[in-house]
PDB file of all heavy atoms in Angstrom:
ATOM      1  N   TYR A   1      43.876 -64.120 -49.108  1.00  0.00           N
ATOM      2  CA  TYR A   1      44.830 -63.099 -49.438  1.00  0.00           C
ATOM      3  C   TYR A   1      44.167 -61.712 -49.578  1.00  0.00           C
ATOM      4  O   TYR A   1      44.489 -60.935 -50.481  1.00  0.00           O
ATOM      5  CB  TYR A   1      45.608 -63.411 -50.733  1.00  0.00           C
ATOM      6  CG  TYR A   1      46.402 -64.671 -50.617  1.00  0.00           C
ATOM      7  CD1 TYR A   1      45.965 -65.835 -51.298  1.00  0.00           C
ATOM      8  CD2 TYR A   1      47.523 -64.779 -49.837  1.00  0.00           C
ATOM      9  CE1 TYR A   1      46.732 -67.001 -51.189  1.00  0.00           C
ATOM     10  CE2 TYR A   1      48.254 -65.931 -49.712  1.00  0.00           C
ATOM     11  CZ  TYR A   1      47.871 -67.037 -50.411  1.00  0.00           C
ATOM     12  OH  TYR A   1      48.597 -68.221 -50.322  1.00  0.00           O
ATOM     13  N   HIS A   2      43.236 -61.393 -48.691  1.00  0.00           N
ATOM     14  CA  HIS A   2      42.455 -60.173 -48.831  1.00  0.00           C
ATOM     15  C   HIS A   2      43.088 -58.902 -48.179  1.00  0.00           C
ATOM     16  O   HIS A   2      42.719 -57.800 -48.508  1.00  0.00           O
ATOM     17  CB  HIS A   2      41.053 -60.352 -48.275  1.00  0.00           C
ATOM     18  CG  HIS A   2      41.046 -60.487 -46.772  1.00  0.00           C
ATOM     19  ND1 HIS A   2      41.286 -61.733 -46.184  1.00  0.00           N
ATOM     20  CD2 HIS A   2      40.777 -59.598 -45.805  1.00  0.00           C
ATOM     21  CE1 HIS A   2      41.198 -61.546 -44.875  1.00  0.00           C
ATOM     22  NE2 HIS A   2      40.907 -60.279 -44.600  1.00  0.00           N
ATOM     23  N   GLU A   3      44.018 -59.147 -47.242  1.00  0.00           N
ATOM     24  CA  GLU A   3      44.557 -57.975 -46.475  1.00  0.00           C
ATOM     25  C   GLU A   3      45.318 -57.006 -47.418  1.00  0.00           C
ATOM     26  O   GLU A   3      46.060 -57.451 -48.309  1.00  0.00           O
ATOM     27  CB  GLU A   3      45.454 -58.472 -45.386  1.00  0.00           C
ATOM     28  CG  GLU A   3      44.731 -59.179 -44.291  1.00  0.00           C
ATOM     29  CD  GLU A   3      45.658 -59.611 -43.164  1.00  0.00           C
ATOM     30  OE1 GLU A   3      46.391 -58.729 -42.667  1.00  0.00           O
ATOM     31  OE2 GLU A   3      45.659 -60.796 -42.793  1.00  0.00           O
ATOM     32  N   GLY A   4      45.152 -55.745 -47.129  1.00  0.00           N
ATOM     33  CA  GLY A   4      45.867 -54.705 -47.853  1.00  0.00           C
ATOM     34  C   GLY A   4      45.398 -54.455 -49.258  1.00  0.00           C
ATOM     35  O   GLY A   4      46.110 -53.774 -49.996  1.00  0.00           O
ATOM     36  N   LEU A   5      44.230 -54.931 -49.586  1.00  0.00           N
ATOM     37  CA  LEU A   5      43.743 -54.773 -50.952  1.00  0.00           C
ATOM     38  C   LEU A   5      42.466 -53.865 -50.967  1.00  0.00           C
ATOM     39  O   LEU A   5      41.646 -53.886 -50.046  1.00  0.00           O
ATOM     40  CB  LEU A   5      43.361 -56.109 -51.564  1.00  0.00           C
ATOM     41  CG  LEU A   5      44.541 -57.092 -51.723  1.00  0.00           C
ATOM     42  CD1 LEU A   5      44.040 -58.439 -52.209  1.00  0.00           C
ATOM     43  CD2 LEU A   5      45.572 -56.490 -52.725  1.00  0.00           C
ATOM     44  N   ILE A   6      42.354 -53.147 -52.035  1.00  0.00           N
ATOM     45  CA  ILE A   6      41.191 -52.319 -52.362  1.00  0.00           C
ATOM     46  C   ILE A   6      40.520 -53.077 -53.525  1.00  0.00           C
ATOM     47  O   ILE A   6      41.213 -53.435 -54.484  1.00  0.00           O
ATOM     48  CB  ILE A   6      41.547 -50.915 -52.782  1.00  0.00           C
ATOM     49  CG1 ILE A   6      42.304 -50.182 -51.632  1.00  0.00           C
ATOM     50  CG2 ILE A   6      40.317 -50.151 -53.205  1.00  0.00           C
ATOM     51  CD1 ILE A   6      42.970 -48.870 -52.074  1.00  0.00           C
ATOM     52  N   VAL A   7      39.229 -53.310 -53.447  1.00  0.00           N
ATOM     53  CA  VAL A   7      38.535 -54.020 -54.481  1.00  0.00           C
ATOM     54  C   VAL A   7      37.422 -53.182 -55.026  1.00  0.00           C
ATOM     55  O   VAL A   7      36.642 -52.615 -54.252  1.00  0.00           O
ATOM     56  CB  VAL A   7      38.041 -55.403 -53.968  1.00  0.00           C
ATOM     57  CG1 VAL A   7      37.171 -56.053 -54.999  1.00  0.00           C
ATOM     58  CG2 VAL A   7      39.242 -56.257 -53.664  1.00  0.00           C
ATOM     59  N   LEU A   8      37.320 -53.145 -56.354  1.00  0.00           N
ATOM     60  CA  LEU A   8      36.236 -52.442 -57.030  1.00  0.00           C
ATOM     61  C   LEU A   8      35.378 -53.510 -57.729  1.00  0.00           C
ATOM     62  O   LEU A   8      35.872 -54.547 -58.181  1.00  0.00           O
ATOM     63  CB  LEU A   8      36.767 -51.490 -58.095  1.00  0.00           C
ATOM     64  CG  LEU A   8      37.915 -50.534 -57.661  1.00  0.00           C
ATOM     65  CD1 LEU A   8      38.292 -49.617 -58.806  1.00  0.00           C
ATOM     66  CD2 LEU A   8      37.521 -49.722 -56.429  1.00  0.00           C
ATOM     67  N   SER A   9      34.096 -53.255 -57.862  1.00  0.00           N
ATOM     68  CA  SER A   9      33.170 -54.216 -58.348  1.00  0.00           C
ATOM     69  C   SER A   9      33.489 -54.667 -59.808  1.00  0.00           C
ATOM     70  O   SER A   9      33.065 -55.742 -60.190  1.00  0.00           O
ATOM     71  CB  SER A   9      31.748 -53.738 -58.254  1.00  0.00           C
ATOM     72  OG  SER A   9      31.595 -52.589 -59.025  1.00  0.00           O
ATOM     73  N   GLY A  10      34.207 -53.855 -60.556  1.00  0.00           N
ATOM     74  CA  GLY A  10      34.620 -54.279 -61.899  1.00  0.00           C
ATOM     75  C   GLY A  10      33.768 -53.673 -62.985  1.00  0.00           C
ATOM     76  O   GLY A  10      32.760 -53.025 -62.805  1.00  0.00           O
ATOM     77  N   CYS A  11      34.190 -54.098 -64.211  1.00  0.00           N
ATOM     78  CA  CYS A  11      33.522 -53.613 -65.434  1.00  0.00           C
ATOM     79  C   CYS A  11      32.216 -54.395 -65.675  1.00  0.00           C
ATOM     80  O   CYS A  11      31.797 -55.205 -64.799  1.00  0.00           O
ATOM     81  CB  CYS A  11      34.468 -53.855 -66.622  1.00  0.00           C
ATOM     82  SG  CYS A  11      34.859 -55.543 -66.921  1.00  0.00           S
ATOM     83  N   ALA A  12      31.615 -54.193 -66.795  1.00  0.00           N
ATOM     84  CA  ALA A  12      30.337 -54.859 -67.133  1.00  0.00           C
ATOM     85  C   ALA A  12      30.487 -56.381 -67.136  1.00  0.00           C
ATOM     86  O   ALA A  12      29.497 -57.113 -67.010  1.00  0.00           O
ATOM     87  CB  ALA A  12      29.811 -54.345 -68.479  1.00  0.00           C
ATOM     88  N   SER A  13      31.684 -56.887 -67.281  1.00  0.00           N
ATOM     89  CA  SER A  13      31.976 -58.356 -67.277  1.00  0.00           C
ATOM     90  C   SER A  13      32.191 -58.894 -65.859  1.00  0.00           C
ATOM     91  O   SER A  13      32.456 -60.063 -65.713  1.00  0.00           O
ATOM     92  CB  SER A  13      33.129 -58.677 -68.146  1.00  0.00           C
ATOM     93  OG  SER A  13      32.920 -58.316 -69.483  1.00  0.00           O
ATOM     94  N   ALA A  14      32.046 -58.078 -64.886  1.00  0.00           N
ATOM     95  CA  ALA A  14      32.278 -58.461 -63.528  1.00  0.00           C
ATOM     96  C   ALA A  14      30.992 -59.095 -62.922  1.00  0.00           C
ATOM     97  O   ALA A  14      29.900 -58.915 -63.494  1.00  0.00           O
ATOM     98  CB  ALA A  14      32.735 -57.286 -62.637  1.00  0.00           C
ATOM     99  N   GLU A  15      31.096 -59.743 -61.778  1.00  0.00           N
ATOM    100  CA  GLU A  15      29.996 -60.473 -61.224  1.00  0.00           C
ATOM    101  C   GLU A  15      28.762 -59.603 -60.870  1.00  0.00           C
ATOM    102  O   GLU A  15      27.660 -59.827 -61.345  1.00  0.00           O
ATOM    103  CB  GLU A  15      30.455 -61.213 -59.939  1.00  0.00           C
ATOM    104  CG  GLU A  15      29.394 -62.074 -59.289  1.00  0.00           C
ATOM    105  CD  GLU A  15      29.929 -62.798 -58.088  1.00  0.00           C
ATOM    106  OE1 GLU A  15      31.166 -62.756 -57.814  1.00  0.00           O
ATOM    107  OE2 GLU A  15      29.090 -63.474 -57.424  1.00  0.00           O
ATOM    108  N   VAL A  16      28.990 -58.514 -60.061  1.00  0.00           N
ATOM    109  CA  VAL A  16      27.873 -57.691 -59.662  1.00  0.00           C
ATOM    110  C   VAL A  16      27.237 -56.994 -60.846  1.00  0.00           C
ATOM    111  O   VAL A  16      26.023 -57.069 -60.999  1.00  0.00           O
ATOM    112  CB  VAL A  16      28.347 -56.717 -58.569  1.00  0.00           C
ATOM    113  CG1 VAL A  16      27.223 -55.682 -58.233  1.00  0.00           C
ATOM    114  CG2 VAL A  16      28.741 -57.464 -57.299  1.00  0.00           C
ATOM    115  N   PRO A  17      27.998 -56.322 -61.724  1.00  0.00           N
ATOM    116  CA  PRO A  17      27.382 -55.689 -62.900  1.00  0.00           C
ATOM    117  C   PRO A  17      26.645 -56.695 -63.793  1.00  0.00           C
ATOM    118  O   PRO A  17      25.586 -56.401 -64.320  1.00  0.00           O
ATOM    119  CB  PRO A  17      28.557 -54.996 -63.625  1.00  0.00           C
ATOM    120  CG  PRO A  17      29.538 -54.776 -62.528  1.00  0.00           C
ATOM    121  CD  PRO A  17      29.431 -55.918 -61.619  1.00  0.00           C
ATOM    122  N   ALA A  18      27.232 -57.875 -63.984  1.00  0.00           N
ATOM    123  CA  ALA A  18      26.598 -58.879 -64.863  1.00  0.00           C
ATOM    124  C   ALA A  18      25.256 -59.345 -64.259  1.00  0.00           C
ATOM    125  O   ALA A  18      24.262 -59.516 -64.974  1.00  0.00           O
ATOM    126  CB  ALA A  18      27.525 -60.078 -65.058  1.00  0.00           C
ATOM    127  N   LEU A  19      25.236 -59.486 -62.961  1.00  0.00           N
ATOM    128  CA  LEU A  19      23.920 -59.854 -62.301  1.00  0.00           C
ATOM    129  C   LEU A  19      22.876 -58.747 -62.454  1.00  0.00           C
ATOM    130  O   LEU A  19      21.732 -59.019 -62.693  1.00  0.00           O
ATOM    131  CB  LEU A  19      24.164 -60.178 -60.823  1.00  0.00           C
ATOM    132  CG  LEU A  19      24.955 -61.475 -60.536  1.00  0.00           C
ATOM    133  CD1 LEU A  19      25.410 -61.520 -59.077  1.00  0.00           C
ATOM    134  CD2 LEU A  19      24.148 -62.682 -60.940  1.00  0.00           C
ATOM    135  N   ILE A  20      23.356 -57.500 -62.385  1.00  0.00           N
ATOM    136  CA  ILE A  20      22.442 -56.400 -62.573  1.00  0.00           C
ATOM    137  C   ILE A  20      21.893 -56.421 -64.006  1.00  0.00           C
ATOM    138  O   ILE A  20      20.687 -56.229 -64.247  1.00  0.00           O
ATOM    139  CB  ILE A  20      23.133 -55.024 -62.267  1.00  0.00           C
ATOM    140  CG1 ILE A  20      23.402 -54.921 -60.760  1.00  0.00           C
ATOM    141  CG2 ILE A  20      22.274 -53.869 -62.778  1.00  0.00           C
ATOM    142  CD1 ILE A  20      24.282 -53.763 -60.367  1.00  0.00           C
ATOM    143  N   ALA A  21      22.794 -56.662 -64.992  1.00  0.00           N
ATOM    144  CA  ALA A  21      22.394 -56.698 -66.390  1.00  0.00           C
ATOM    145  C   ALA A  21      21.375 -57.823 -66.629  1.00  0.00           C
ATOM    146  O   ALA A  21      20.522 -57.688 -67.497  1.00  0.00           O
ATOM    147  CB  ALA A  21      23.603 -56.880 -67.274  1.00  0.00           C
ATOM    148  N   GLN A  22      21.493 -58.901 -65.860  1.00  0.00           N
ATOM    149  CA  GLN A  22      20.554 -60.023 -65.968  1.00  0.00           C
ATOM    150  C   GLN A  22      19.290 -59.807 -65.153  1.00  0.00           C
ATOM    151  O   GLN A  22      18.452 -60.672 -65.005  1.00  0.00           O
ATOM    152  CB  GLN A  22      21.241 -61.304 -65.459  1.00  0.00           C
ATOM    153  CG  GLN A  22      22.396 -61.729 -66.347  1.00  0.00           C
ATOM    154  CD  GLN A  22      23.202 -62.808 -65.629  1.00  0.00           C
ATOM    155  OE1 GLN A  22      22.791 -63.473 -64.678  1.00  0.00           O
ATOM    156  NE2 GLN A  22      24.445 -63.034 -66.092  1.00  0.00           N
ATOM    157  N   GLU A  23      19.168 -58.560 -64.544  1.00  0.00           N
ATOM    158  CA  GLU A  23      18.031 -58.187 -63.724  1.00  0.00           C
ATOM    159  C   GLU A  23      17.864 -59.135 -62.508  1.00  0.00           C
ATOM    160  O   GLU A  23      16.783 -59.420 -62.059  1.00  0.00           O
ATOM    161  CB  GLU A  23      16.738 -58.135 -64.560  1.00  0.00           C
ATOM    162  CG  GLU A  23      16.812 -57.157 -65.664  1.00  0.00           C
ATOM    163  CD  GLU A  23      15.529 -57.057 -66.490  1.00  0.00           C
ATOM    164  OE1 GLU A  23      14.530 -57.689 -66.154  1.00  0.00           O
ATOM    165  OE2 GLU A  23      15.563 -56.330 -67.482  1.00  0.00           O
ATOM    166  N   ARG A  24      19.006 -59.499 -61.902  1.00  0.00           N
ATOM    167  CA  ARG A  24      19.061 -60.360 -60.732  1.00  0.00           C
ATOM    168  C   ARG A  24      19.585 -59.471 -59.557  1.00  0.00           C
ATOM    169  O   ARG A  24      20.679 -59.743 -59.040  1.00  0.00           O
ATOM    170  CB  ARG A  24      19.921 -61.551 -60.973  1.00  0.00           C
ATOM    171  CG  ARG A  24      19.390 -62.437 -62.076  1.00  0.00           C
ATOM    172  CD  ARG A  24      20.353 -63.561 -62.485  1.00  0.00           C
ATOM    173  NE  ARG A  24      20.841 -64.300 -61.350  1.00  0.00           N
ATOM    174  CZ  ARG A  24      21.895 -65.117 -61.435  1.00  0.00           C
ATOM    175  NH1 ARG A  24      22.575 -65.266 -62.606  1.00  0.00           N
ATOM    176  NH2 ARG A  24      22.330 -65.755 -60.389  1.00  0.00           N
ATOM    177  N   MET A  25      18.871 -58.462 -59.221  1.00  0.00           N
ATOM    178  CA  MET A  25      19.328 -57.497 -58.182  1.00  0.00           C
ATOM    179  C   MET A  25      19.557 -58.154 -56.815  1.00  0.00           C
ATOM    180  O   MET A  25      20.455 -57.758 -56.125  1.00  0.00           O
ATOM    181  CB  MET A  25      18.328 -56.334 -58.093  1.00  0.00           C
ATOM    182  CG  MET A  25      18.448 -55.332 -59.171  1.00  0.00           C
ATOM    183  SD  MET A  25      20.094 -54.540 -59.308  1.00  0.00           S
ATOM    184  CE  MET A  25      20.073 -53.466 -57.898  1.00  0.00           C
ATOM    185  N   ASP A  26      18.716 -59.090 -56.474  1.00  0.00           N
ATOM    186  CA  ASP A  26      18.942 -59.772 -55.130  1.00  0.00           C
ATOM    187  C   ASP A  26      20.301 -60.461 -55.088  1.00  0.00           C
ATOM    188  O   ASP A  26      21.017 -60.405 -54.125  1.00  0.00           O
ATOM    189  CB  ASP A  26      17.826 -60.715 -54.805  1.00  0.00           C
ATOM    190  CG  ASP A  26      16.541 -60.054 -54.447  1.00  0.00           C
ATOM    191  OD1 ASP A  26      16.558 -58.857 -54.081  1.00  0.00           O
ATOM    192  OD2 ASP A  26      15.474 -60.674 -54.515  1.00  0.00           O
ATOM    193  N   ASP A  27      20.623 -61.153 -56.222  1.00  0.00           N
ATOM    194  CA  ASP A  27      21.888 -61.855 -56.267  1.00  0.00           C
ATOM    195  C   ASP A  27      23.088 -60.842 -56.325  1.00  0.00           C
ATOM    196  O   ASP A  27      24.124 -61.065 -55.715  1.00  0.00           O
ATOM    197  CB  ASP A  27      21.969 -62.769 -57.493  1.00  0.00           C
ATOM    198  CG  ASP A  27      21.014 -63.967 -57.352  1.00  0.00           C
ATOM    199  OD1 ASP A  27      20.751 -64.409 -56.224  1.00  0.00           O
ATOM    200  OD2 ASP A  27      20.566 -64.466 -58.416  1.00  0.00           O
ATOM    201  N   ALA A  28      22.838 -59.719 -57.071  1.00  0.00           N
ATOM    202  CA  ALA A  28      23.873 -58.682 -57.113  1.00  0.00           C
ATOM    203  C   ALA A  28      24.135 -58.125 -55.703  1.00  0.00           C
ATOM    204  O   ALA A  28      25.301 -57.878 -55.361  1.00  0.00           O
ATOM    205  CB  ALA A  28      23.437 -57.613 -58.127  1.00  0.00           C
ATOM    206  N   ARG A  29      23.078 -57.892 -55.012  1.00  0.00           N
ATOM    207  CA  ARG A  29      23.198 -57.363 -53.623  1.00  0.00           C
ATOM    208  C   ARG A  29      23.966 -58.356 -52.741  1.00  0.00           C
ATOM    209  O   ARG A  29      24.857 -57.959 -52.020  1.00  0.00           O
ATOM    210  CB  ARG A  29      21.824 -57.049 -53.049  1.00  0.00           C
ATOM    211  CG  ARG A  29      21.821 -56.377 -51.685  1.00  0.00           C
ATOM    212  CD  ARG A  29      20.397 -56.151 -51.155  1.00  0.00           C
ATOM    213  NE  ARG A  29      19.630 -55.329 -52.123  1.00  0.00           N
ATOM    214  CZ  ARG A  29      18.719 -55.797 -52.986  1.00  0.00           C
ATOM    215  NH1 ARG A  29      18.430 -57.118 -53.006  1.00  0.00           N
ATOM    216  NH2 ARG A  29      18.053 -55.070 -53.789  1.00  0.00           N
ATOM    217  N   LYS A  30      23.609 -59.658 -52.807  1.00  0.00           N
ATOM    218  CA  LYS A  30      24.286 -60.670 -51.984  1.00  0.00           C
ATOM    219  C   LYS A  30      25.775 -60.675 -52.332  1.00  0.00           C
ATOM    220  O   LYS A  30      26.630 -60.756 -51.442  1.00  0.00           O
ATOM    221  CB  LYS A  30      23.654 -62.013 -52.247  1.00  0.00           C
ATOM    222  CG  LYS A  30      22.327 -62.193 -51.589  1.00  0.00           C
ATOM    223  CD  LYS A  30      21.784 -63.565 -51.939  1.00  0.00           C
ATOM    224  CE  LYS A  30      20.301 -63.670 -51.564  1.00  0.00           C
ATOM    225  NZ  LYS A  30      19.692 -64.881 -52.038  1.00  0.00           N
ATOM    226  N   SER A  31      26.107 -60.605 -53.581  1.00  0.00           N
ATOM    227  CA  SER A  31      27.498 -60.672 -54.033  1.00  0.00           C
ATOM    228  C   SER A  31      28.233 -59.434 -53.523  1.00  0.00           C
ATOM    229  O   SER A  31      29.375 -59.559 -52.963  1.00  0.00           O
ATOM    230  CB  SER A  31      27.592 -60.810 -55.556  1.00  0.00           C
ATOM    231  OG  SER A  31      28.925 -60.793 -55.947  1.00  0.00           O
ATOM    232  N   ALA A  32      27.664 -58.260 -53.703  1.00  0.00           N
ATOM    233  CA  ALA A  32      28.307 -57.042 -53.295  1.00  0.00           C
ATOM    234  C   ALA A  32      28.509 -57.026 -51.767  1.00  0.00           C
ATOM    235  O   ALA A  32      29.567 -56.640 -51.297  1.00  0.00           O
ATOM    236  CB  ALA A  32      27.439 -55.810 -53.709  1.00  0.00           C
ATOM    237  N   LEU A  33      27.542 -57.508 -51.037  1.00  0.00           N
ATOM    238  CA  LEU A  33      27.683 -57.577 -49.584  1.00  0.00           C
ATOM    239  C   LEU A  33      28.739 -58.589 -49.143  1.00  0.00           C
ATOM    240  O   LEU A  33      29.440 -58.340 -48.145  1.00  0.00           O
ATOM    241  CB  LEU A  33      26.310 -57.900 -48.927  1.00  0.00           C
ATOM    242  CG  LEU A  33      25.303 -56.771 -49.027  1.00  0.00           C
ATOM    243  CD1 LEU A  33      23.937 -57.229 -48.554  1.00  0.00           C
ATOM    244  CD2 LEU A  33      25.753 -55.521 -48.243  1.00  0.00           C
ATOM    245  N   TRP A  34      28.881 -59.643 -49.879  1.00  0.00           N
ATOM    246  CA  TRP A  34      29.992 -60.600 -49.583  1.00  0.00           C
ATOM    247  C   TRP A  34      31.328 -59.921 -49.742  1.00  0.00           C
ATOM    248  O   TRP A  34      32.192 -60.037 -48.861  1.00  0.00           O
ATOM    249  CB  TRP A  34      29.920 -61.831 -50.508  1.00  0.00           C
ATOM    250  CG  TRP A  34      30.966 -62.856 -50.163  1.00  0.00           C
ATOM    251  CD1 TRP A  34      30.811 -63.861 -49.270  1.00  0.00           C
ATOM    252  CD2 TRP A  34      32.264 -62.958 -50.771  1.00  0.00           C
ATOM    253  NE1 TRP A  34      32.012 -64.563 -49.230  1.00  0.00           N
ATOM    254  CE2 TRP A  34      32.947 -64.021 -50.143  1.00  0.00           C
ATOM    255  CE3 TRP A  34      32.979 -62.234 -51.708  1.00  0.00           C
ATOM    256  CZ2 TRP A  34      34.229 -64.404 -50.438  1.00  0.00           C
ATOM    257  CZ3 TRP A  34      34.253 -62.590 -52.051  1.00  0.00           C
ATOM    258  CH2 TRP A  34      34.895 -63.698 -51.385  1.00  0.00           C
ATOM    259  N   TYR A  35      31.527 -59.192 -50.836  1.00  0.00           N
ATOM    260  CA  TYR A  35      32.815 -58.483 -51.048  1.00  0.00           C
ATOM    261  C   TYR A  35      33.001 -57.395 -50.017  1.00  0.00           C
ATOM    262  O   TYR A  35      34.091 -57.239 -49.475  1.00  0.00           O
ATOM    263  CB  TYR A  35      32.844 -57.883 -52.447  1.00  0.00           C
ATOM    264  CG  TYR A  35      33.171 -58.916 -53.539  1.00  0.00           C
ATOM    265  CD1 TYR A  35      32.169 -59.385 -54.377  1.00  0.00           C
ATOM    266  CD2 TYR A  35      34.436 -59.363 -53.695  1.00  0.00           C
ATOM    267  CE1 TYR A  35      32.464 -60.342 -55.319  1.00  0.00           C
ATOM    268  CE2 TYR A  35      34.763 -60.337 -54.682  1.00  0.00           C
ATOM    269  CZ  TYR A  35      33.774 -60.793 -55.478  1.00  0.00           C
ATOM    270  OH  TYR A  35      34.090 -61.748 -56.436  1.00  0.00           O
ATOM    271  N   ARG A  36      31.972 -56.664 -49.672  1.00  0.00           N
ATOM    272  CA  ARG A  36      32.126 -55.611 -48.657  1.00  0.00           C
ATOM    273  C   ARG A  36      32.496 -56.222 -47.296  1.00  0.00           C
ATOM    274  O   ARG A  36      33.289 -55.637 -46.551  1.00  0.00           O
ATOM    275  CB  ARG A  36      30.843 -54.781 -48.550  1.00  0.00           C
ATOM    276  CG  ARG A  36      31.081 -53.626 -47.533  1.00  0.00           C
ATOM    277  CD  ARG A  36      29.849 -52.816 -47.315  1.00  0.00           C
ATOM    278  NE  ARG A  36      28.855 -53.527 -46.562  1.00  0.00           N
ATOM    279  CZ  ARG A  36      27.654 -53.078 -46.227  1.00  0.00           C
ATOM    280  NH1 ARG A  36      27.347 -51.876 -46.564  1.00  0.00           N
ATOM    281  NH2 ARG A  36      26.831 -53.810 -45.516  1.00  0.00           N
ATOM    282  N   GLU A  37      31.941 -57.361 -46.967  1.00  0.00           N
ATOM    283  CA  GLU A  37      32.228 -57.989 -45.712  1.00  0.00           C
ATOM    284  C   GLU A  37      33.708 -58.460 -45.655  1.00  0.00           C
ATOM    285  O   GLU A  37      34.354 -58.364 -44.625  1.00  0.00           O
ATOM    286  CB  GLU A  37      31.317 -59.215 -45.532  1.00  0.00           C
ATOM    287  CG  GLU A  37      31.538 -60.014 -44.222  1.00  0.00           C
ATOM    288  CD  GLU A  37      31.107 -59.229 -43.005  1.00  0.00           C
ATOM    289  OE1 GLU A  37      30.189 -58.383 -43.093  1.00  0.00           O
ATOM    290  OE2 GLU A  37      31.644 -59.529 -41.891  1.00  0.00           O
ATOM    291  N   LEU A  38      34.226 -58.911 -46.783  1.00  0.00           N
ATOM    292  CA  LEU A  38      35.593 -59.431 -46.847  1.00  0.00           C
ATOM    293  C   LEU A  38      36.621 -58.305 -46.890  1.00  0.00           C
ATOM    294  O   LEU A  38      37.655 -58.357 -46.236  1.00  0.00           O
ATOM    295  CB  LEU A  38      35.753 -60.360 -48.036  1.00  0.00           C
ATOM    296  CG  LEU A  38      37.153 -60.970 -48.219  1.00  0.00           C
ATOM    297  CD1 LEU A  38      37.537 -61.825 -47.023  1.00  0.00           C
ATOM    298  CD2 LEU A  38      37.185 -61.795 -49.507  1.00  0.00           C
ATOM    299  N   PHE A  39      36.393 -57.313 -47.706  1.00  0.00           N
ATOM    300  CA  PHE A  39      37.365 -56.238 -47.965  1.00  0.00           C
ATOM    301  C   PHE A  39      36.970 -54.981 -47.232  1.00  0.00           C
ATOM    302  O   PHE A  39      35.837 -54.469 -47.394  1.00  0.00           O
ATOM    303  CB  PHE A  39      37.506 -55.994 -49.472  1.00  0.00           C
ATOM    304  CG  PHE A  39      38.045 -57.149 -50.225  1.00  0.00           C
ATOM    305  CD1 PHE A  39      37.206 -58.052 -50.862  1.00  0.00           C
ATOM    306  CD2 PHE A  39      39.408 -57.371 -50.277  1.00  0.00           C
ATOM    307  CE1 PHE A  39      37.712 -59.076 -51.582  1.00  0.00           C
ATOM    308  CE2 PHE A  39      39.913 -58.467 -50.941  1.00  0.00           C
ATOM    309  CZ  PHE A  39      39.073 -59.328 -51.615  1.00  0.00           C
TER     310      PHE A  39
END
């Protein structure tokens, strides 16, 4: 159900920011790129 949607990475409790807070930048990058590919 991705069509017609705008997605923002979210607050500090979201996946990408939480991974950054855990100092897992590679995982944060992979996640962000997955979302960018889909939306």
